[in-house]
Amino acid sequence: MRNIEMVVDENNILTIKVDLSKEFGLSSSGKSVIIASTDGNQSVPSPKDGIKIGVNVYKGKGS
């Protein structure tokens, strides 16, 4: 994962933290700039099995 932190609290609430000031270069299409990504589906750090997440945070190339 790039620039994504996940925490599940005691009430089973998932919190995702992303630093919006970071950039990781252009997407594969070259149309957007990657800010954060799970790089595909990832397991959620949860006591429940089988929960997955997929996140991409990006902005337009000219933004």
PDB file of N, CA and C in Angstrom:
ATOM      1  N   MET A   1       0.843  -1.180   0.000  1.00  0.00           N
ATOM      2  CA  MET A   1       0.000   0.000   0.000  1.00  0.00           C
ATOM      3  C   MET A   1       0.884   1.237   0.000  1.00  0.00           C
ATOM      4  N   ARG A   2       0.396   2.234  -0.653  1.00  0.00           N
ATOM      5  CA  ARG A   2       1.120   3.503  -0.721  1.00  0.00           C
ATOM      6  C   ARG A   2       0.291   4.602  -0.065  1.00  0.00           C
ATOM      7  N   ASN A   3       0.827   5.172   1.034  1.00  0.00           N
ATOM      8  CA  ASN A   3       0.253   6.344   1.676  1.00  0.00           C
ATOM      9  C   ASN A   3      -1.152   6.104   2.234  1.00  0.00           C
ATOM     10  N   ILE A   4      -1.428   4.897   2.694  1.00  0.00           N
ATOM     11  CA  ILE A   4      -2.724   4.589   3.297  1.00  0.00           C
ATOM     12  C   ILE A   4      -2.477   3.863   4.615  1.00  0.00           C
ATOM     13  N   GLU A   5      -3.103   4.375   5.671  1.00  0.00           N
ATOM     14  CA  GLU A   5      -3.088   3.709   6.962  1.00  0.00           C
ATOM     15  C   GLU A   5      -4.522   3.333   7.307  1.00  0.00           C
ATOM     16  N   MET A   6      -4.725   2.107   7.779  1.00  0.00           N
ATOM     17  CA  MET A   6      -6.057   1.648   8.171  1.00  0.00           C
ATOM     18  C   MET A   6      -6.023   1.182   9.614  1.00  0.00           C
ATOM     19  N   VAL A   7      -7.063   1.574  10.379  1.00  0.00           N
ATOM     20  CA  VAL A   7      -7.194   1.157  11.766  1.00  0.00           C
ATOM     21  C   VAL A   7      -8.654   0.799  12.006  1.00  0.00           C
ATOM     22  N   VAL A   8      -8.870  -0.324  12.677  1.00  0.00           N
ATOM     23  CA  VAL A   8     -10.213  -0.715  13.096  1.00  0.00           C
ATOM     24  C   VAL A   8     -10.261  -0.569  14.616  1.00  0.00           C
ATOM     25  N   ASP A   9     -11.203   0.242  15.118  1.00  0.00           N
ATOM     26  CA  ASP A   9     -11.282   0.456  16.562  1.00  0.00           C
ATOM     27  C   ASP A   9     -12.108  -0.625  17.243  1.00  0.00           C
ATOM     28  N   GLU A  10     -12.282  -0.495  18.547  1.00  0.00           N
ATOM     29  CA  GLU A  10     -12.979  -1.512  19.337  1.00  0.00           C
ATOM     30  C   GLU A  10     -14.451  -1.645  18.984  1.00  0.00           C
ATOM     31  N   ASN A  11     -14.999  -0.652  18.276  1.00  0.00           N
ATOM     32  CA  ASN A  11     -16.399  -0.709  17.827  1.00  0.00           C
ATOM     33  C   ASN A  11     -16.521  -1.184  16.383  1.00  0.00           C
ATOM     34  N   ASN A  12     -15.436  -1.740  15.833  1.00  0.00           N
ATOM     35  CA  ASN A  12     -15.390  -2.211  14.441  1.00  0.00           C
ATOM     36  C   ASN A  12     -15.600  -1.097  13.432  1.00  0.00           C
ATOM     37  N   ILE A  13     -15.109   0.102  13.745  1.00  0.00           N
ATOM     38  CA  ILE A  13     -15.147   1.234  12.818  1.00  0.00           C
ATOM     39  C   ILE A  13     -13.789   1.323  12.132  1.00  0.00           C
ATOM     40  N   LEU A  14     -13.809   1.244  10.799  1.00  0.00           N
ATOM     41  CA  LEU A  14     -12.583   1.346  10.011  1.00  0.00           C
ATOM     42  C   LEU A  14     -12.303   2.814   9.718  1.00  0.00           C
ATOM     43  N   THR A  15     -11.081   3.253  10.038  1.00  0.00           N
ATOM     44  CA  THR A  15     -10.646   4.612   9.724  1.00  0.00           C
ATOM     45  C   THR A  15      -9.490   4.506   8.747  1.00  0.00           C
ATOM     46  N   ILE A  16      -9.578   5.278   7.659  1.00  0.00           N
ATOM     47  CA  ILE A  16      -8.535   5.296   6.631  1.00  0.00           C
ATOM     48  C   ILE A  16      -7.866   6.660   6.669  1.00  0.00           C
ATOM     49  N   LYS A  17      -6.549   6.672   6.731  1.00  0.00           N
ATOM     50  CA  LYS A  17      -5.786   7.919   6.795  1.00  0.00           C
ATOM     51  C   LYS A  17      -4.901   8.030   5.560  1.00  0.00           C
ATOM     52  N   VAL A  18      -5.007   9.182   4.860  1.00  0.00           N
ATOM     53  CA  VAL A  18      -4.229   9.451   3.650  1.00  0.00           C
ATOM     54  C   VAL A  18      -3.635  10.850   3.767  1.00  0.00           C
ATOM     55  N   ASP A  19      -2.342  10.979   3.510  1.00  0.00           N
ATOM     56  CA  ASP A  19      -1.684  12.281   3.481  1.00  0.00           C
ATOM     57  C   ASP A  19      -1.870  12.863   2.077  1.00  0.00           C
ATOM     58  N   LEU A  20      -2.749  13.849   1.954  1.00  0.00           N
ATOM     59  CA  LEU A  20      -3.085  14.412   0.639  1.00  0.00           C
ATOM     60  C   LEU A  20      -1.978  15.277   0.043  1.00  0.00           C
ATOM     61  N   SER A  21      -0.907  15.531   0.794  1.00  0.00           N
ATOM     62  CA  SER A  21       0.202  16.332   0.259  1.00  0.00           C
ATOM     63  C   SER A  21       1.197  15.487  -0.539  1.00  0.00           C
ATOM     64  N   LYS A  22       1.083  14.163  -0.474  1.00  0.00           N
ATOM     65  CA  LYS A  22       2.026  13.284  -1.177  1.00  0.00           C
ATOM     66  C   LYS A  22       1.550  12.957  -2.582  1.00  0.00           C
ATOM     67  N   GLU A  23       2.505  12.688  -3.456  1.00  0.00           N
ATOM     68  CA  GLU A  23       2.211  12.252  -4.826  1.00  0.00           C
ATOM     69  C   GLU A  23       3.178  11.124  -5.187  1.00  0.00           C
ATOM     70  N   PHE A  24       2.690  10.154  -5.980  1.00  0.00           N
ATOM     71  CA  PHE A  24       3.489   8.993  -6.360  1.00  0.00           C
ATOM     72  C   PHE A  24       3.601   8.833  -7.867  1.00  0.00           C
ATOM     73  N   GLY A  25       3.545   9.948  -8.587  1.00  0.00           N
ATOM     74  CA  GLY A  25       3.724   9.892 -10.024  1.00  0.00           C
ATOM     75  C   GLY A  25       2.424   9.657 -10.769  1.00  0.00           C
ATOM     76  N   LEU A  26       2.554   9.503 -12.065  1.00  0.00           N
ATOM     77  CA  LEU A  26       1.390   9.351 -12.936  1.00  0.00           C
ATOM     78  C   LEU A  26       0.817   7.938 -12.878  1.00  0.00           C
ATOM     79  N   SER A  27      -0.466   7.869 -13.130  1.00  0.00           N
ATOM     80  CA  SER A  27      -1.135   6.570 -13.259  1.00  0.00           C
ATOM     81  C   SER A  27      -0.643   5.879 -14.526  1.00  0.00           C
ATOM     82  N   SER A  28      -1.026   4.630 -14.700  1.00  0.00           N
ATOM     83  CA  SER A  28      -0.580   3.901 -15.889  1.00  0.00           C
ATOM     84  C   SER A  28      -1.107   4.525 -17.176  1.00  0.00           C
ATOM     85  N   SER A  29      -2.276   5.171 -17.122  1.00  0.00           N
ATOM     86  CA  SER A  29      -2.814   5.834 -18.318  1.00  0.00           C
ATOM     87  C   SER A  29      -2.154   7.184 -18.567  1.00  0.00           C
ATOM     88  N   GLY A  30      -1.511   7.733 -17.524  1.00  0.00           N
ATOM     89  CA  GLY A  30      -0.871   9.040 -17.650  1.00  0.00           C
ATOM     90  C   GLY A  30      -1.834  10.202 -17.513  1.00  0.00           C
ATOM     91  N   LYS A  31      -3.091   9.938 -17.185  1.00  0.00           N
ATOM     92  CA  LYS A  31      -4.106  10.987 -17.104  1.00  0.00           C
ATOM     93  C   LYS A  31      -4.268  11.572 -15.707  1.00  0.00           C
ATOM     94  N   SER A  32      -3.742  10.882 -14.685  1.00  0.00           N
ATOM     95  CA  SER A  32      -3.913  11.368 -13.319  1.00  0.00           C
ATOM     96  C   SER A  32      -2.657  11.106 -12.497  1.00  0.00           C
ATOM     97  N   VAL A  33      -2.572  11.827 -11.372  1.00  0.00           N
ATOM     98  CA  VAL A  33      -1.451  11.700 -10.448  1.00  0.00           C
ATOM     99  C   VAL A  33      -1.928  10.903  -9.236  1.00  0.00           C
ATOM    100  N   ILE A  34      -1.201   9.854  -8.896  1.00  0.00           N
ATOM    101  CA  ILE A  34      -1.572   9.003  -7.776  1.00  0.00           C
ATOM    102  C   ILE A  34      -1.155   9.655  -6.464  1.00  0.00           C
ATOM    103  N   ILE A  35      -2.099   9.737  -5.531  1.00  0.00           N
ATOM    104  CA  ILE A  35      -1.842  10.269  -4.189  1.00  0.00           C
ATOM    105  C   ILE A  35      -1.738   9.125  -3.191  1.00  0.00           C
ATOM    106  N   ALA A  36      -2.581   8.106  -3.349  1.00  0.00           N
ATOM    107  CA  ALA A  36      -2.550   6.941  -2.455  1.00  0.00           C
ATOM    108  C   ALA A  36      -3.221   5.766  -3.154  1.00  0.00           C
ATOM    109  N   SER A  37      -2.820   4.556  -2.781  1.00  0.00           N
ATOM    110  CA  SER A  37      -3.432   3.374  -3.368  1.00  0.00           C
ATOM    111  C   SER A  37      -3.181   2.155  -2.498  1.00  0.00           C
ATOM    112  N   THR A  38      -4.168   1.272  -2.465  1.00  0.00           N
ATOM    113  CA  THR A  38      -3.957  -0.020  -1.824  1.00  0.00           C
ATOM    114  C   THR A  38      -3.281  -0.984  -2.794  1.00  0.00           C
ATOM    115  N   ASP A  39      -3.085  -0.563  -4.045  1.00  0.00           N
ATOM    116  CA  ASP A  39      -2.472  -1.415  -5.077  1.00  0.00           C
ATOM    117  C   ASP A  39      -3.237  -2.731  -5.211  1.00  0.00           C
ATOM    118  N   GLY A  40      -4.539  -2.603  -5.407  1.00  0.00           N
ATOM    119  CA  GLY A  40      -5.413  -3.771  -5.500  1.00  0.00           C
ATOM    120  C   GLY A  40      -6.165  -3.965  -4.201  1.00  0.00           C
ATOM    121  N   ASN A  41      -6.869  -5.056  -4.100  1.00  0.00           N
ATOM    122  CA  ASN A  41      -7.643  -5.332  -2.897  1.00  0.00           C
ATOM    123  C   ASN A  41      -6.730  -5.864  -1.798  1.00  0.00           C
ATOM    124  N   GLN A  42      -6.948  -5.353  -0.582  1.00  0.00           N
ATOM    125  CA  GLN A  42      -6.156  -5.742   0.577  1.00  0.00           C
ATOM    126  C   GLN A  42      -7.077  -6.170   1.708  1.00  0.00           C
ATOM    127  N   SER A  43      -6.589  -7.013   2.583  1.00  0.00           N
ATOM    128  CA  SER A  43      -7.353  -7.411   3.760  1.00  0.00           C
ATOM    129  C   SER A  43      -7.406  -6.264   4.757  1.00  0.00           C
ATOM    130  N   VAL A  44      -8.578  -6.080   5.366  1.00  0.00           N
ATOM    131  CA  VAL A  44      -8.759  -5.070   6.396  1.00  0.00           C
ATOM    132  C   VAL A  44      -8.273  -5.650   7.723  1.00  0.00           C
ATOM    133  N   PRO A  45      -7.519  -4.859   8.513  1.00  0.00           N
ATOM    134  CA  PRO A  45      -7.041  -5.365   9.805  1.00  0.00           C
ATOM    135  C   PRO A  45      -8.192  -5.441  10.807  1.00  0.00           C
ATOM    136  N   SER A  46      -8.968  -6.484  10.708  1.00  0.00           N
ATOM    137  CA  SER A  46     -10.196  -6.613  11.493  1.00  0.00           C
ATOM    138  C   SER A  46     -10.278  -8.002  12.104  1.00  0.00           C
ATOM    139  N   PRO A  47     -10.968  -8.114  13.239  1.00  0.00           N
ATOM    140  CA  PRO A  47     -11.168  -9.444  13.818  1.00  0.00           C
ATOM    141  C   PRO A  47     -12.082 -10.328  12.965  1.00  0.00           C
ATOM    142  N   LYS A  48     -12.817  -9.728  12.043  1.00  0.00           N
ATOM    143  CA  LYS A  48     -13.682 -10.500  11.151  1.00  0.00           C
ATOM    144  C   LYS A  48     -12.876 -10.899   9.915  1.00  0.00           C
ATOM    145  N   ASP A  49     -12.956 -12.146   9.524  1.00  0.00           N
ATOM    146  CA  ASP A  49     -12.206 -12.646   8.367  1.00  0.00           C
ATOM    147  C   ASP A  49     -12.891 -12.291   7.056  1.00  0.00           C
ATOM    148  N   GLY A  50     -12.096 -12.164   6.012  1.00  0.00           N
ATOM    149  CA  GLY A  50     -12.623 -12.031   4.663  1.00  0.00           C
ATOM    150  C   GLY A  50     -13.002 -10.628   4.221  1.00  0.00           C
ATOM    151  N   ILE A  51     -12.774  -9.608   5.052  1.00  0.00           N
ATOM    152  CA  ILE A  51     -13.117  -8.240   4.663  1.00  0.00           C
ATOM    153  C   ILE A  51     -11.957  -7.662   3.866  1.00  0.00           C
ATOM    154  N   LYS A  52     -12.273  -7.164   2.688  1.00  0.00           N
ATOM    155  CA  LYS A  52     -11.264  -6.606   1.779  1.00  0.00           C
ATOM    156  C   LYS A  52     -11.607  -5.152   1.465  1.00  0.00           C
ATOM    157  N   ILE A  53     -10.592  -4.413   1.022  1.00  0.00           N
ATOM    158  CA  ILE A  53     -10.785  -3.021   0.626  1.00  0.00           C
ATOM    159  C   ILE A  53      -9.887  -2.721  -0.564  1.00  0.00           C
ATOM    160  N   GLY A  54     -10.368  -1.879  -1.463  1.00  0.00           N
ATOM    161  CA  GLY A  54      -9.586  -1.384  -2.586  1.00  0.00           C
ATOM    162  C   GLY A  54      -9.798   0.112  -2.690  1.00  0.00           C
ATOM    163  N   VAL A  55      -8.718   0.887  -2.574  1.00  0.00           N
ATOM    164  CA  VAL A  55      -8.824   2.349  -2.561  1.00  0.00           C
ATOM    165  C   VAL A  55      -7.800   2.943  -3.511  1.00  0.00           C
ATOM    166  N   ASN A  56      -8.235   3.920  -4.280  1.00  0.00           N
ATOM    167  CA  ASN A  56      -7.345   4.748  -5.086  1.00  0.00           C
ATOM    168  C   ASN A  56      -7.700   6.200  -4.840  1.00  0.00           C
ATOM    169  N   VAL A  57      -6.689   7.014  -4.534  1.00  0.00           N
ATOM    170  CA  VAL A  57      -6.874   8.452  -4.360  1.00  0.00           C
ATOM    171  C   VAL A  57      -5.981   9.117  -5.401  1.00  0.00           C
ATOM    172  N   TYR A  58      -6.577   9.981  -6.219  1.00  0.00           N
ATOM    173  CA  TYR A  58      -5.807  10.582  -7.311  1.00  0.00           C
ATOM    174  C   TYR A  58      -6.380  11.941  -7.665  1.00  0.00           C
ATOM    175  N   LYS A  59      -5.614  12.688  -8.463  1.00  0.00           N
ATOM    176  CA  LYS A  59      -6.087  13.980  -8.971  1.00  0.00           C
ATOM    177  C   LYS A  59      -5.725  14.059 -10.442  1.00  0.00           C
ATOM    178  N   GLY A  60      -6.406  14.966 -11.130  1.00  0.00           N
ATOM    179  CA  GLY A  60      -6.131  15.151 -12.554  1.00  0.00           C
ATOM    180  C   GLY A  60      -4.705  15.635 -12.771  1.00  0.00           C
ATOM    181  N   LYS A  61      -4.140  15.275 -13.874  1.00  0.00           N
ATOM    182  CA  LYS A  61      -2.751  15.592 -14.212  1.00  0.00           C
ATOM    183  C   LYS A  61      -2.476  17.096 -14.130  1.00  0.00           C
ATOM    184  N   GLY A  62      -3.419  17.924 -14.552  1.00  0.00           N
ATOM    185  CA  GLY A  62      -3.212  19.367 -14.558  1.00  0.00           C
ATOM    186  C   GLY A  62      -3.678  20.071 -13.308  1.00  0.00           C
ATOM    187  N   SER A  63      -4.083  19.333 -12.293  1.00  0.00           N
ATOM    188  CA  SER A  63      -4.617  19.950 -11.055  1.00  0.00           C
ATOM    189  C   SER A  63      -3.525  20.402 -10.123  1.00  0.00           C
TER     190      SER A  63
END
